PDB file of all heavy atoms in Angstrom:
ATOM      1  N   GLU A   1     -12.307  46.071   5.471  1.00  0.00           N
ATOM      2  CA  GLU A   1     -10.930  46.395   5.152  1.00  0.00           C
ATOM      3  C   GLU A   1     -10.137  45.129   4.903  1.00  0.00           C
ATOM      4  O   GLU A   1      -8.884  45.197   4.950  1.00  0.00           O
ATOM      5  CB  GLU A   1     -10.282  47.217   6.245  1.00  0.00           C
ATOM      6  CG  GLU A   1     -10.925  48.638   6.401  1.00  0.00           C
ATOM      7  CD  GLU A   1     -10.141  49.492   7.338  1.00  0.00           C
ATOM      8  OE1 GLU A   1      -9.164  48.950   7.955  1.00  0.00           O
ATOM      9  OE2 GLU A   1     -10.469  50.733   7.459  1.00  0.00           O
ATOM     10  N   VAL A   2     -10.779  44.014   4.581  1.00  0.00           N
ATOM     11  CA  VAL A   2     -10.077  42.764   4.351  1.00  0.00           C
ATOM     12  C   VAL A   2     -10.265  42.277   2.953  1.00  0.00           C
ATOM     13  O   VAL A   2     -11.397  42.227   2.450  1.00  0.00           O
ATOM     14  CB  VAL A   2     -10.600  41.658   5.355  1.00  0.00           C
ATOM     15  CG1 VAL A   2      -9.904  40.345   5.041  1.00  0.00           C
ATOM     16  CG2 VAL A   2     -10.440  42.086   6.786  1.00  0.00           C
ATOM     17  N   LEU A   3      -9.146  42.096   2.221  1.00  0.00           N
ATOM     18  CA  LEU A   3      -9.178  41.530   0.891  1.00  0.00           C
ATOM     19  C   LEU A   3      -9.632  40.079   0.956  1.00  0.00           C
ATOM     20  O   LEU A   3      -9.103  39.289   1.720  1.00  0.00           O
ATOM     21  CB  LEU A   3      -7.845  41.616   0.205  1.00  0.00           C
ATOM     22  CG  LEU A   3      -7.394  42.954  -0.391  1.00  0.00           C
ATOM     23  CD1 LEU A   3      -5.961  42.921  -0.820  1.00  0.00           C
ATOM     24  CD2 LEU A   3      -8.299  43.315  -1.559  1.00  0.00           C
ATOM     25  N   THR A   4     -10.612  39.722   0.070  1.00  0.00           N
ATOM     26  CA  THR A   4     -11.036  38.331   0.005  1.00  0.00           C
ATOM     27  C   THR A   4     -10.384  37.657  -1.190  1.00  0.00           C
ATOM     28  O   THR A   4     -10.336  38.184  -2.263  1.00  0.00           O
ATOM     29  CB  THR A   4     -12.545  38.194  -0.091  1.00  0.00           C
ATOM     30  OG1 THR A   4     -12.983  38.931  -1.266  1.00  0.00           O
ATOM     31  CG2 THR A   4     -13.231  38.777   1.145  1.00  0.00           C
ATOM     32  N   MET A   5      -9.838  36.488  -0.934  1.00  0.00           N
ATOM     33  CA  MET A   5      -9.089  35.717  -1.986  1.00  0.00           C
ATOM     34  C   MET A   5      -9.451  34.276  -1.904  1.00  0.00           C
ATOM     35  O   MET A   5      -9.845  33.741  -0.834  1.00  0.00           O
ATOM     36  CB  MET A   5      -7.575  35.901  -1.789  1.00  0.00           C
ATOM     37  CG  MET A   5      -7.125  37.394  -1.657  1.00  0.00           C
ATOM     38  SD  MET A   5      -5.447  37.600  -1.053  1.00  0.00           S
ATOM     39  CE  MET A   5      -4.487  36.975  -2.455  1.00  0.00           C
ATOM     40  N   GLN A   6      -9.325  33.581  -3.076  1.00  0.00           N
ATOM     41  CA  GLN A   6      -9.550  32.126  -3.072  1.00  0.00           C
ATOM     42  C   GLN A   6      -8.481  31.490  -3.937  1.00  0.00           C
ATOM     43  O   GLN A   6      -8.215  31.906  -5.074  1.00  0.00           O
ATOM     44  CB  GLN A   6     -10.971  31.801  -3.581  1.00  0.00           C
ATOM     45  CG  GLN A   6     -11.277  32.226  -4.950  1.00  0.00           C
ATOM     46  CD  GLN A   6     -12.714  31.897  -5.370  1.00  0.00           C
ATOM     47  OE1 GLN A   6     -13.573  31.627  -4.504  1.00  0.00           O
ATOM     48  NE2 GLN A   6     -12.958  31.752  -6.686  1.00  0.00           N
ATOM     49  N   GLU A   7      -7.871  30.448  -3.411  1.00  0.00           N
ATOM     50  CA  GLU A   7      -6.848  29.654  -4.132  1.00  0.00           C
ATOM     51  C   GLU A   7      -7.509  28.596  -4.988  1.00  0.00           C
ATOM     52  O   GLU A   7      -8.366  27.838  -4.467  1.00  0.00           O
ATOM     53  CB  GLU A   7      -5.845  29.071  -3.162  1.00  0.00           C
ATOM     54  CG  GLU A   7      -4.677  28.345  -3.854  1.00  0.00           C
ATOM     55  CD  GLU A   7      -3.709  27.797  -2.867  1.00  0.00           C
ATOM     56  OE1 GLU A   7      -4.136  27.039  -2.012  1.00  0.00           O
ATOM     57  OE2 GLU A   7      -2.502  28.116  -2.940  1.00  0.00           O
ATOM     58  N   LEU A   8      -7.167  28.528  -6.269  1.00  0.00           N
ATOM     59  CA  LEU A   8      -7.773  27.568  -7.151  1.00  0.00           C
ATOM     60  C   LEU A   8      -6.839  26.367  -7.358  1.00  0.00           C
ATOM     61  O   LEU A   8      -7.294  25.224  -7.371  1.00  0.00           O
ATOM     62  CB  LEU A   8      -8.072  28.170  -8.535  1.00  0.00           C
ATOM     63  CG  LEU A   8      -9.041  29.375  -8.528  1.00  0.00           C
ATOM     64  CD1 LEU A   8      -9.264  29.823  -9.980  1.00  0.00           C
ATOM     65  CD2 LEU A   8     -10.330  29.021  -7.863  1.00  0.00           C
ATOM     66  N   PHE A   9      -5.542  26.640  -7.622  1.00  0.00           N
ATOM     67  CA  PHE A   9      -4.600  25.582  -7.892  1.00  0.00           C
ATOM     68  C   PHE A   9      -3.356  25.741  -6.992  1.00  0.00           C
ATOM     69  O   PHE A   9      -3.028  26.860  -6.592  1.00  0.00           O
ATOM     70  CB  PHE A   9      -4.162  25.628  -9.374  1.00  0.00           C
ATOM     71  CG  PHE A   9      -5.317  25.612 -10.350  1.00  0.00           C
ATOM     72  CD1 PHE A   9      -5.814  26.835 -10.817  1.00  0.00           C
ATOM     73  CD2 PHE A   9      -5.868  24.415 -10.758  1.00  0.00           C
ATOM     74  CE1 PHE A   9      -6.880  26.812 -11.704  1.00  0.00           C
ATOM     75  CE2 PHE A   9      -6.929  24.396 -11.639  1.00  0.00           C
ATOM     76  CZ  PHE A   9      -7.448  25.624 -12.180  1.00  0.00           C
ATOM     77  N   PHE A  10      -2.684  24.636  -6.674  1.00  0.00           N
ATOM     78  CA  PHE A  10      -1.518  24.696  -5.812  1.00  0.00           C
ATOM     79  C   PHE A  10      -0.552  23.548  -6.101  1.00  0.00           C
ATOM     80  O   PHE A  10      -0.935  22.561  -6.755  1.00  0.00           O
ATOM     81  CB  PHE A  10      -1.969  24.694  -4.345  1.00  0.00           C
ATOM     82  CG  PHE A  10      -2.719  23.485  -3.992  1.00  0.00           C
ATOM     83  CD1 PHE A  10      -2.092  22.334  -3.558  1.00  0.00           C
ATOM     84  CD2 PHE A  10      -4.102  23.469  -4.008  1.00  0.00           C
ATOM     85  CE1 PHE A  10      -2.753  21.191  -3.202  1.00  0.00           C
ATOM     86  CE2 PHE A  10      -4.823  22.382  -3.667  1.00  0.00           C
ATOM     87  CZ  PHE A  10      -4.206  21.191  -3.243  1.00  0.00           C
ATOM     88  N   PHE A  11       0.656  23.700  -5.634  1.00  0.00           N
ATOM     89  CA  PHE A  11       1.681  22.622  -5.671  1.00  0.00           C
ATOM     90  C   PHE A  11       1.937  22.283  -4.231  1.00  0.00           C
ATOM     91  O   PHE A  11       2.272  23.139  -3.401  1.00  0.00           O
ATOM     92  CB  PHE A  11       2.928  23.084  -6.359  1.00  0.00           C
ATOM     93  CG  PHE A  11       4.031  22.002  -6.236  1.00  0.00           C
ATOM     94  CD1 PHE A  11       4.067  20.979  -7.116  1.00  0.00           C
ATOM     95  CD2 PHE A  11       5.073  22.149  -5.300  1.00  0.00           C
ATOM     96  CE1 PHE A  11       5.070  20.018  -7.025  1.00  0.00           C
ATOM     97  CE2 PHE A  11       6.065  21.254  -5.232  1.00  0.00           C
ATOM     98  CZ  PHE A  11       6.090  20.132  -6.077  1.00  0.00           C
ATOM     99  N   GLU A  12       1.816  21.017  -3.863  1.00  0.00           N
ATOM    100  CA  GLU A  12       2.065  20.495  -2.503  1.00  0.00           C
ATOM    101  C   GLU A  12       3.404  19.803  -2.473  1.00  0.00           C
ATOM    102  O   GLU A  12       3.646  18.795  -3.121  1.00  0.00           O
ATOM    103  CB  GLU A  12       0.928  19.572  -2.057  1.00  0.00           C
ATOM    104  CG  GLU A  12       1.090  19.147  -0.628  1.00  0.00           C
ATOM    105  CD  GLU A  12      -0.037  18.311  -0.132  1.00  0.00           C
ATOM    106  OE1 GLU A  12      -0.913  17.921  -0.965  1.00  0.00           O
ATOM    107  OE2 GLU A  12      -0.101  17.990   1.079  1.00  0.00           O
ATOM    108  N   HIS A  13       4.304  20.321  -1.637  1.00  0.00           N
ATOM    109  CA  HIS A  13       5.652  19.823  -1.468  1.00  0.00           C
ATOM    110  C   HIS A  13       5.577  18.711  -0.421  1.00  0.00           C
ATOM    111  O   HIS A  13       5.236  18.956   0.741  1.00  0.00           O
ATOM    112  CB  HIS A  13       6.607  20.919  -1.053  1.00  0.00           C
ATOM    113  CG  HIS A  13       8.011  20.488  -0.889  1.00  0.00           C
ATOM    114  ND1 HIS A  13       8.983  21.349  -0.398  1.00  0.00           N
ATOM    115  CD2 HIS A  13       8.636  19.349  -1.142  1.00  0.00           C
ATOM    116  CE1 HIS A  13      10.175  20.722  -0.394  1.00  0.00           C
ATOM    117  NE2 HIS A  13       9.965  19.485  -0.829  1.00  0.00           N
ATOM    118  N   THR A  14       5.904  17.446  -0.825  1.00  0.00           N
ATOM    119  CA  THR A  14       5.764  16.350   0.090  1.00  0.00           C
ATOM    120  C   THR A  14       7.099  15.788   0.650  1.00  0.00           C
ATOM    121  O   THR A  14       7.090  15.086   1.655  1.00  0.00           O
ATOM    122  CB  THR A  14       5.011  15.167  -0.565  1.00  0.00           C
ATOM    123  OG1 THR A  14       5.741  14.780  -1.765  1.00  0.00           O
ATOM    124  CG2 THR A  14       3.603  15.629  -0.943  1.00  0.00           C
ATOM    125  N   GLY A  15       8.188  16.080   0.028  1.00  0.00           N
ATOM    126  CA  GLY A  15       9.477  15.565   0.501  1.00  0.00           C
ATOM    127  C   GLY A  15      10.593  15.756  -0.523  1.00  0.00           C
ATOM    128  O   GLY A  15      10.445  16.508  -1.473  1.00  0.00           O
ATOM    129  N   VAL A  16      11.710  15.103  -0.234  1.00  0.00           N
ATOM    130  CA  VAL A  16      12.899  15.208  -1.101  1.00  0.00           C
ATOM    131  C   VAL A  16      13.453  13.764  -1.325  1.00  0.00           C
ATOM    132  O   VAL A  16      13.512  12.983  -0.380  1.00  0.00           O
ATOM    133  CB  VAL A  16      13.992  16.074  -0.399  1.00  0.00           C
ATOM    134  CG1 VAL A  16      15.216  16.187  -1.305  1.00  0.00           C
ATOM    135  CG2 VAL A  16      13.439  17.484  -0.116  1.00  0.00           C
ATOM    136  N   THR A  17      13.816  13.501  -2.562  1.00  0.00           N
ATOM    137  CA  THR A  17      14.377  12.179  -2.933  1.00  0.00           C
ATOM    138  C   THR A  17      15.806  12.099  -2.407  1.00  0.00           C
ATOM    139  O   THR A  17      16.440  13.095  -2.077  1.00  0.00           O
ATOM    140  CB  THR A  17      14.351  11.981  -4.444  1.00  0.00           C
ATOM    141  OG1 THR A  17      15.193  12.939  -5.058  1.00  0.00           O
ATOM    142  CG2 THR A  17      12.911  12.113  -4.960  1.00  0.00           C
ATOM    143  N   PRO A  18      16.381  10.859  -2.343  1.00  0.00           N
ATOM    144  CA  PRO A  18      17.775  10.745  -1.899  1.00  0.00           C
ATOM    145  C   PRO A  18      18.787  11.552  -2.715  1.00  0.00           C
ATOM    146  O   PRO A  18      19.859  11.946  -2.187  1.00  0.00           O
ATOM    147  CB  PRO A  18      18.030   9.209  -2.028  1.00  0.00           C
ATOM    148  CG  PRO A  18      16.679   8.626  -1.894  1.00  0.00           C
ATOM    149  CD  PRO A  18      15.723   9.540  -2.527  1.00  0.00           C
ATOM    150  N   ASP A  19      18.478  11.768  -4.007  1.00  0.00           N
ATOM    151  CA  ASP A  19      19.407  12.557  -4.828  1.00  0.00           C
ATOM    152  C   ASP A  19      19.097  14.051  -4.754  1.00  0.00           C
ATOM    153  O   ASP A  19      19.658  14.838  -5.562  1.00  0.00           O
ATOM    154  CB  ASP A  19      19.348  12.059  -6.268  1.00  0.00           C
ATOM    155  CG  ASP A  19      17.983  12.185  -6.893  1.00  0.00           C
ATOM    156  OD1 ASP A  19      17.024  12.473  -6.179  1.00  0.00           O
ATOM    157  OD2 ASP A  19      17.887  12.061  -8.162  1.00  0.00           O
ATOM    158  N   GLY A  20      18.198  14.501  -3.842  1.00  0.00           N
ATOM    159  CA  GLY A  20      18.012  15.915  -3.629  1.00  0.00           C
ATOM    160  C   GLY A  20      16.893  16.522  -4.416  1.00  0.00           C
ATOM    161  O   GLY A  20      16.705  17.765  -4.371  1.00  0.00           O
ATOM    162  N   ARG A  21      16.142  15.726  -5.225  1.00  0.00           N
ATOM    163  CA  ARG A  21      15.044  16.284  -6.014  1.00  0.00           C
ATOM    164  C   ARG A  21      13.790  16.450  -5.159  1.00  0.00           C
ATOM    165  O   ARG A  21      13.422  15.621  -4.307  1.00  0.00           O
ATOM    166  CB  ARG A  21      14.736  15.387  -7.191  1.00  0.00           C
ATOM    167  CG  ARG A  21      15.880  15.044  -8.049  1.00  0.00           C
ATOM    168  CD  ARG A  21      16.577  16.257  -8.656  1.00  0.00           C
ATOM    169  NE  ARG A  21      15.716  16.986  -9.593  1.00  0.00           N
ATOM    170  CZ  ARG A  21      16.076  18.108 -10.183  1.00  0.00           C
ATOM    171  NH1 ARG A  21      17.258  18.618  -9.945  1.00  0.00           N
ATOM    172  NH2 ARG A  21      15.282  18.681 -11.018  1.00  0.00           N
ATOM    173  N   VAL A  22      13.082  17.549  -5.404  1.00  0.00           N
ATOM    174  CA  VAL A  22      11.857  17.794  -4.674  1.00  0.00           C
ATOM    175  C   VAL A  22      10.739  16.912  -5.112  1.00  0.00           C
ATOM    176  O   VAL A  22      10.524  16.710  -6.341  1.00  0.00           O
ATOM    177  CB  VAL A  22      11.444  19.269  -4.794  1.00  0.00           C
ATOM    178  CG1 VAL A  22      10.063  19.547  -4.317  1.00  0.00           C
ATOM    179  CG2 VAL A  22      12.452  20.182  -4.067  1.00  0.00           C
ATOM    180  N   GLU A  23       9.979  16.315  -4.183  1.00  0.00           N
ATOM    181  CA  GLU A  23       8.832  15.494  -4.485  1.00  0.00           C
ATOM    182  C   GLU A  23       7.549  16.272  -4.145  1.00  0.00           C
ATOM    183  O   GLU A  23       7.546  17.109  -3.179  1.00  0.00           O
ATOM    184  CB  GLU A  23       8.869  14.218  -3.730  1.00  0.00           C
ATOM    185  CG  GLU A  23       9.915  13.197  -4.166  1.00  0.00           C
ATOM    186  CD  GLU A  23       9.824  11.896  -3.446  1.00  0.00           C
ATOM    187  OE1 GLU A  23       9.601  11.948  -2.187  1.00  0.00           O
ATOM    188  OE2 GLU A  23       9.927  10.850  -4.054  1.00  0.00           O
ATOM    189  N   GLY A  24       6.507  16.066  -4.889  1.00  0.00           N
ATOM    190  CA  GLY A  24       5.260  16.724  -4.628  1.00  0.00           C
ATOM    191  C   GLY A  24       4.304  16.578  -5.785  1.00  0.00           C
ATOM    192  O   GLY A  24       4.628  15.895  -6.781  1.00  0.00           O
ATOM    193  N   GLY A  25       3.160  17.191  -5.688  1.00  0.00           N
ATOM    194  CA  GLY A  25       2.173  17.068  -6.775  1.00  0.00           C
ATOM    195  C   GLY A  25       1.298  18.314  -6.816  1.00  0.00           C
ATOM    196  O   GLY A  25       1.180  19.078  -5.881  1.00  0.00           O
ATOM    197  N   TYR A  26       0.623  18.468  -7.944  1.00  0.00           N
ATOM    198  CA  TYR A  26      -0.253  19.596  -8.137  1.00  0.00           C
ATOM    199  C   TYR A  26      -1.704  19.176  -7.813  1.00  0.00           C
ATOM    200  O   TYR A  26      -2.099  18.043  -7.987  1.00  0.00           O
ATOM    201  CB  TYR A  26      -0.238  20.033  -9.634  1.00  0.00           C
ATOM    202  CG  TYR A  26       1.087  20.672 -10.024  1.00  0.00           C
ATOM    203  CD1 TYR A  26       2.008  19.917 -10.728  1.00  0.00           C
ATOM    204  CD2 TYR A  26       1.437  21.969  -9.670  1.00  0.00           C
ATOM    205  CE1 TYR A  26       3.228  20.414 -11.109  1.00  0.00           C
ATOM    206  CE2 TYR A  26       2.610  22.532 -10.082  1.00  0.00           C
ATOM    207  CZ  TYR A  26       3.563  21.736 -10.782  1.00  0.00           C
ATOM    208  OH  TYR A  26       4.764  22.286 -11.140  1.00  0.00           O
ATOM    209  N   GLY A  27      -2.434  20.123  -7.276  1.00  0.00           N
ATOM    210  CA  GLY A  27      -3.802  19.856  -6.871  1.00  0.00           C
ATOM    211  C   GLY A  27      -4.709  21.042  -7.068  1.00  0.00           C
ATOM    212  O   GLY A  27      -4.255  22.156  -7.421  1.00  0.00           O
ATOM    213  N   THR A  28      -5.982  20.806  -6.888  1.00  0.00           N
ATOM    214  CA  THR A  28      -6.999  21.886  -7.002  1.00  0.00           C
ATOM    215  C   THR A  28      -7.731  22.007  -5.658  1.00  0.00           C
ATOM    216  O   THR A  28      -7.878  20.976  -4.914  1.00  0.00           O
ATOM    217  CB  THR A  28      -8.009  21.596  -8.152  1.00  0.00           C
ATOM    218  OG1 THR A  28      -8.622  20.343  -7.842  1.00  0.00           O
ATOM    219  CG2 THR A  28      -7.311  21.511  -9.469  1.00  0.00           C
ATOM    220  N   SER A  29      -8.218  23.178  -5.376  1.00  0.00           N
ATOM    221  CA  SER A  29      -8.930  23.358  -4.095  1.00  0.00           C
ATOM    222  C   SER A  29     -10.361  22.935  -4.171  1.00  0.00           C
ATOM    223  O   SER A  29     -11.069  22.900  -3.155  1.00  0.00           O
ATOM    224  CB  SER A  29      -8.838  24.819  -3.714  1.00  0.00           C
ATOM    225  OG  SER A  29      -9.484  25.675  -4.653  1.00  0.00           O
ATOM    226  N   GLY A  30     -10.898  22.729  -5.383  1.00  0.00           N
ATOM    227  CA  GLY A  30     -12.310  22.360  -5.504  1.00  0.00           C
ATOM    228  C   GLY A  30     -13.211  23.539  -5.594  1.00  0.00           C
ATOM    229  O   GLY A  30     -14.436  23.400  -5.682  1.00  0.00           O
ATOM    230  N   VAL A  31     -12.631  24.771  -5.607  1.00  0.00           N
ATOM    231  CA  VAL A  31     -13.467  25.998  -5.678  1.00  0.00           C
ATOM    232  C   VAL A  31     -13.531  26.412  -7.174  1.00  0.00           C
ATOM    233  O   VAL A  31     -12.537  26.470  -7.860  1.00  0.00           O
ATOM    234  CB  VAL A  31     -12.799  27.116  -4.829  1.00  0.00           C
ATOM    235  CG1 VAL A  31     -13.624  28.407  -4.959  1.00  0.00           C
ATOM    236  CG2 VAL A  31     -12.718  26.714  -3.386  1.00  0.00           C
ATOM    237  N   ARG A  32     -14.759  26.750  -7.596  1.00  0.00           N
ATOM    238  CA  ARG A  32     -14.943  27.215  -9.007  1.00  0.00           C
ATOM    239  C   ARG A  32     -14.500  28.655  -9.082  1.00  0.00           C
ATOM    240  O   ARG A  32     -14.680  29.478  -8.194  1.00  0.00           O
ATOM    241  CB  ARG A  32     -16.394  27.031  -9.395  1.00  0.00           C
ATOM    242  CG  ARG A  32     -16.646  27.310 -10.878  1.00  0.00           C
ATOM    243  CD  ARG A  32     -18.112  26.984 -11.190  1.00  0.00           C
ATOM    244  NE  ARG A  32     -18.407  25.541 -10.958  1.00  0.00           N
ATOM    245  CZ  ARG A  32     -18.138  24.621 -11.864  1.00  0.00           C
ATOM    246  NH1 ARG A  32     -17.551  24.936 -13.056  1.00  0.00           N
ATOM    247  NH2 ARG A  32     -18.439  23.344 -11.571  1.00  0.00           N
ATOM    248  N   SER A  33     -13.970  29.007 -10.281  1.00  0.00           N
ATOM    249  CA  SER A  33     -13.438  30.376 -10.503  1.00  0.00           C
ATOM    250  C   SER A  33     -14.525  31.391 -10.371  1.00  0.00           C
ATOM    251  O   SER A  33     -15.702  31.245 -10.831  1.00  0.00           O
ATOM    252  CB  SER A  33     -12.824  30.481 -11.896  1.00  0.00           C
ATOM    253  OG  SER A  33     -12.481  31.814 -12.182  1.00  0.00           O
ATOM    254  N   ALA A  34     -14.216  32.538  -9.749  1.00  0.00           N
ATOM    255  CA  ALA A  34     -15.146  33.669  -9.648  1.00  0.00           C
ATOM    256  C   ALA A  34     -15.349  34.322 -11.020  1.00  0.00           C
ATOM    257  O   ALA A  34     -16.277  35.124 -11.197  1.00  0.00           O
ATOM    258  CB  ALA A  34     -14.616  34.701  -8.665  1.00  0.00           C
ATOM    259  N   TRP A  35     -14.496  33.985 -11.975  1.00  0.00           N
ATOM    260  CA  TRP A  35     -14.586  34.609 -13.325  1.00  0.00           C
ATOM    261  C   TRP A  35     -15.245  33.650 -14.349  1.00  0.00           C
ATOM    262  O   TRP A  35     -15.077  33.875 -15.542  1.00  0.00           O
ATOM    263  CB  TRP A  35     -13.182  35.022 -13.817  1.00  0.00           C
ATOM    264  CG  TRP A  35     -12.497  35.913 -12.825  1.00  0.00           C
ATOM    265  CD1 TRP A  35     -11.513  35.561 -11.937  1.00  0.00           C
ATOM    266  CD2 TRP A  35     -12.788  37.277 -12.591  1.00  0.00           C
ATOM    267  NE1 TRP A  35     -11.135  36.662 -11.224  1.00  0.00           N
ATOM    268  CE2 TRP A  35     -11.915  37.726 -11.583  1.00  0.00           C
ATOM    269  CE3 TRP A  35     -13.746  38.200 -13.119  1.00  0.00           C
ATOM    270  CZ2 TRP A  35     -11.940  39.013 -11.054  1.00  0.00           C
ATOM    271  CZ3 TRP A  35     -13.742  39.490 -12.628  1.00  0.00           C
ATOM    272  CH2 TRP A  35     -12.835  39.876 -11.620  1.00  0.00           C
ATOM    273  N   SER A  36     -15.939  32.677 -13.862  1.00  0.00           N
ATOM    274  CA  SER A  36     -16.577  31.676 -14.800  1.00  0.00           C
ATOM    275  C   SER A  36     -17.538  32.328 -15.781  1.00  0.00           C
ATOM    276  O   SER A  36     -17.524  31.998 -16.972  1.00  0.00           O
ATOM    277  CB  SER A  36     -17.308  30.574 -13.998  1.00  0.00           C
ATOM    278  OG  SER A  36     -16.373  29.854 -13.236  1.00  0.00           O
TER     279      SER A  36
END
């Protein structure tokens, strides 16, 4: 009764600049797509 899911891509929020802009970067989980 548990849905199985896998994250492929994400955005990691690392902080905020002095002028209020969000800092961060995009990354991949290293898991290959189940729909390959």
